[in-house]
Amino acid sequence: MGVRFNGYGVWAIYRFEMARALRTVWQSIVTPVITTALYFVVFGSAIGGHMNEIDGVPYGAFIVPGLIMLSLFTQSIFNASFGIYFPKFTGTIYEILSAPVSSL
């Protein structure tokens, strides 16, 4: 017995998530850039002044890739889970789950 795939339901969720992503461009792109820059200023000035080069690599060049990856991972997890977590938190997930979606 095969599993039926509801393309209409997936398409509706995709459109909703893309509309939400377009509404939150500032939150998804600009805010992580500002946060990463602030982390770099804080850690670069507080710790970087006391650190020596590690195998010829300055502390700033060492920490930048990690801060960028931290920001990318945080935003990817947040944006992927927001569509499920926020409706569950507000109680509207039940409206989404109980909505009739036909395969026609």
C-alpha atoms as a PDB file:
ATOM      1  CA  MET A   1       0.000   0.000   0.000  1.00  0.00           C
ATOM      2  CA  GLY A   2       1.596   3.265  -1.121  1.00  0.00           C
ATOM      3  CA  VAL A   3       1.715   6.496   0.777  1.00  0.00           C
ATOM      4  CA  ARG A   4      -0.252   9.304  -0.847  1.00  0.00           C
ATOM      5  CA  PHE A   5       1.521  12.608  -1.277  1.00  0.00           C
ATOM      6  CA  ASN A   6      -0.604  15.720  -1.016  1.00  0.00           C
ATOM      7  CA  GLY A   7       1.070  18.216  -3.319  1.00  0.00           C
ATOM      8  CA  TYR A   8      -1.567  20.879  -2.707  1.00  0.00           C
ATOM      9  CA  GLY A   9      -0.946  20.906   1.023  1.00  0.00           C
ATOM     10  CA  VAL A  10       2.812  21.083   0.555  1.00  0.00           C
ATOM     11  CA  TRP A  11       2.401  23.889  -1.993  1.00  0.00           C
ATOM     12  CA  ALA A  12       0.185  25.852   0.424  1.00  0.00           C
ATOM     13  CA  ILE A  13       2.712  25.506   3.247  1.00  0.00           C
ATOM     14  CA  TYR A  14       5.540  26.465   0.878  1.00  0.00           C
ATOM     15  CA  ARG A  15       3.713  29.624  -0.257  1.00  0.00           C
ATOM     16  CA  PHE A  16       2.947  30.579   3.336  1.00  0.00           C
ATOM     17  CA  GLU A  17       6.568  30.089   4.438  1.00  0.00           C
ATOM     18  CA  MET A  18       7.933  32.045   1.464  1.00  0.00           C
ATOM     19  CA  ALA A  19       5.551  34.923   2.213  1.00  0.00           C
ATOM     20  CA  ARG A  20       6.706  34.865   5.843  1.00  0.00           C
ATOM     21  CA  ALA A  21      10.343  34.839   4.737  1.00  0.00           C
ATOM     22  CA  LEU A  22       9.764  37.891   2.548  1.00  0.00           C
ATOM     23  CA  ARG A  23       8.061  39.691   5.439  1.00  0.00           C
ATOM     24  CA  THR A  24      11.004  38.995   7.747  1.00  0.00           C
ATOM     25  CA  VAL A  25      13.932  39.807   5.454  1.00  0.00           C
ATOM     26  CA  TRP A  26      15.254  42.376   7.930  1.00  0.00           C
ATOM     27  CA  GLN A  27      15.145  39.855  10.752  1.00  0.00           C
ATOM     28  CA  SER A  28      16.681  37.079   8.656  1.00  0.00           C
ATOM     29  CA  ILE A  29      19.540  38.954   6.979  1.00  0.00           C
ATOM     30  CA  VAL A  30      20.356  42.328   8.512  1.00  0.00           C
ATOM     31  CA  THR A  31      20.037  41.409  12.176  1.00  0.00           C
ATOM     32  CA  PRO A  32      22.505  38.465  11.996  1.00  0.00           C
ATOM     33  CA  VAL A  33      25.025  40.676  10.198  1.00  0.00           C
ATOM     34  CA  ILE A  34      24.783  43.278  12.963  1.00  0.00           C
ATOM     35  CA  THR A  35      24.978  40.604  15.674  1.00  0.00           C
ATOM     36  CA  THR A  36      28.038  38.992  14.090  1.00  0.00           C
ATOM     37  CA  ALA A  37      29.741  42.375  13.800  1.00  0.00           C
ATOM     38  CA  LEU A  38      29.034  43.108  17.471  1.00  0.00           C
ATOM     39  CA  TYR A  39      30.387  39.695  18.509  1.00  0.00           C
ATOM     40  CA  PHE A  40      33.515  40.370  16.496  1.00  0.00           C
ATOM     41  CA  VAL A  41      34.000  43.794  18.094  1.00  0.00           C
ATOM     42  CA  VAL A  42      33.460  42.446  21.602  1.00  0.00           C
ATOM     43  CA  PHE A  43      35.509  39.266  21.281  1.00  0.00           C
ATOM     44  CA  GLY A  44      38.090  40.846  19.005  1.00  0.00           C
ATOM     45  CA  SER A  45      38.820  43.712  21.363  1.00  0.00           C
ATOM     46  CA  ALA A  46      38.353  41.898  24.672  1.00  0.00           C
ATOM     47  CA  ILE A  47      40.146  38.678  23.872  1.00  0.00           C
ATOM     48  CA  GLY A  48      42.025  39.464  20.680  1.00  0.00           C
ATOM     49  CA  GLY A  49      44.308  41.976  22.362  1.00  0.00           C
ATOM     50  CA  HIS A  50      45.499  39.305  24.784  1.00  0.00           C
ATOM     51  CA  MET A  51      45.901  36.470  22.279  1.00  0.00           C
ATOM     52  CA  ASN A  52      49.042  35.759  20.343  1.00  0.00           C
ATOM     53  CA  GLU A  53      49.023  34.379  16.837  1.00  0.00           C
ATOM     54  CA  ILE A  54      48.268  30.674  16.666  1.00  0.00           C
ATOM     55  CA  ASP A  55      50.447  28.958  14.057  1.00  0.00           C
ATOM     56  CA  GLY A  56      50.842  32.295  12.304  1.00  0.00           C
ATOM     57  CA  VAL A  57      47.095  32.990  12.167  1.00  0.00           C
ATOM     58  CA  PRO A  58      45.900  36.165  13.914  1.00  0.00           C
ATOM     59  CA  TYR A  59      42.997  35.860  16.335  1.00  0.00           C
ATOM     60  CA  GLY A  60      40.687  37.938  14.126  1.00  0.00           C
ATOM     61  CA  ALA A  61      41.203  35.651  11.134  1.00  0.00           C
ATOM     62  CA  PHE A  62      40.643  32.672  13.416  1.00  0.00           C
ATOM     63  CA  ILE A  63      37.361  33.856  14.938  1.00  0.00           C
ATOM     64  CA  VAL A  64      35.614  35.309  11.854  1.00  0.00           C
ATOM     65  CA  PRO A  65      34.724  31.958  10.188  1.00  0.00           C
ATOM     66  CA  GLY A  66      33.352  30.648  13.471  1.00  0.00           C
ATOM     67  CA  LEU A  67      31.197  33.722  14.014  1.00  0.00           C
ATOM     68  CA  ILE A  68      29.862  33.536  10.458  1.00  0.00           C
ATOM     69  CA  MET A  69      28.997  29.853  10.856  1.00  0.00           C
ATOM     70  CA  LEU A  70      27.387  30.544  14.238  1.00  0.00           C
ATOM     71  CA  SER A  71      25.149  33.121  12.596  1.00  0.00           C
ATOM     72  CA  LEU A  72      24.308  30.863   9.638  1.00  0.00           C
ATOM     73  CA  PHE A  73      23.455  27.867  11.816  1.00  0.00           C
ATOM     74  CA  THR A  74      21.390  29.955  14.226  1.00  0.00           C
ATOM     75  CA  GLN A  75      19.355  31.583  11.468  1.00  0.00           C
ATOM     76  CA  SER A  76      18.844  28.363   9.528  1.00  0.00           C
ATOM     77  CA  ILE A  77      17.532  26.534  12.587  1.00  0.00           C
ATOM     78  CA  PHE A  78      15.393  29.508  13.619  1.00  0.00           C
ATOM     79  CA  ASN A  79      13.849  29.999  10.183  1.00  0.00           C
ATOM     80  CA  ALA A  80      13.237  26.285   9.670  1.00  0.00           C
ATOM     81  CA  SER A  81      11.622  25.734  13.057  1.00  0.00           C
ATOM     82  CA  PHE A  82       9.678  28.992  13.296  1.00  0.00           C
ATOM     83  CA  GLY A  83       6.899  27.751  11.006  1.00  0.00           C
ATOM     84  CA  ILE A  84       6.115  24.928  13.437  1.00  0.00           C
ATOM     85  CA  TYR A  85       7.106  26.364  16.815  1.00  0.00           C
ATOM     86  CA  PHE A  86       5.323  29.711  16.640  1.00  0.00           C
ATOM     87  CA  PRO A  87       1.904  28.331  15.599  1.00  0.00           C
ATOM     88  CA  LYS A  88       2.244  25.691  18.317  1.00  0.00           C
ATOM     89  CA  PHE A  89       3.165  28.366  20.858  1.00  0.00           C
ATOM     90  CA  THR A  90       0.200  30.577  19.909  1.00  0.00           C
ATOM     91  CA  GLY A  91      -2.227  27.674  19.578  1.00  0.00           C
ATOM     92  CA  THR A  92      -2.943  28.191  15.881  1.00  0.00           C
ATOM     93  CA  ILE A  93      -1.264  24.912  14.910  1.00  0.00           C
ATOM     94  CA  TYR A  94      -4.577  23.183  15.591  1.00  0.00           C
ATOM     95  CA  GLU A  95      -6.261  25.304  12.925  1.00  0.00           C
ATOM     96  CA  ILE A  96      -3.574  24.318  10.435  1.00  0.00           C
ATOM     97  CA  LEU A  97      -3.743  20.626  11.343  1.00  0.00           C
ATOM     98  CA  SER A  98      -7.552  20.466  11.249  1.00  0.00           C
ATOM     99  CA  ALA A  99      -7.940  22.306   7.937  1.00  0.00           C
ATOM    100  CA  PRO A 100      -9.376  20.005   5.297  1.00  0.00           C
ATOM    101  CA  VAL A 101      -6.992  19.555   2.382  1.00  0.00           C
ATOM    102  CA  SER A 102      -8.193  17.393  -0.443  1.00  0.00           C
ATOM    103  CA  SER A 103      -6.029  15.719  -3.035  1.00  0.00           C
ATOM    104  CA  LEU A 104      -8.147  17.083  -5.887  1.00  0.00           C
END
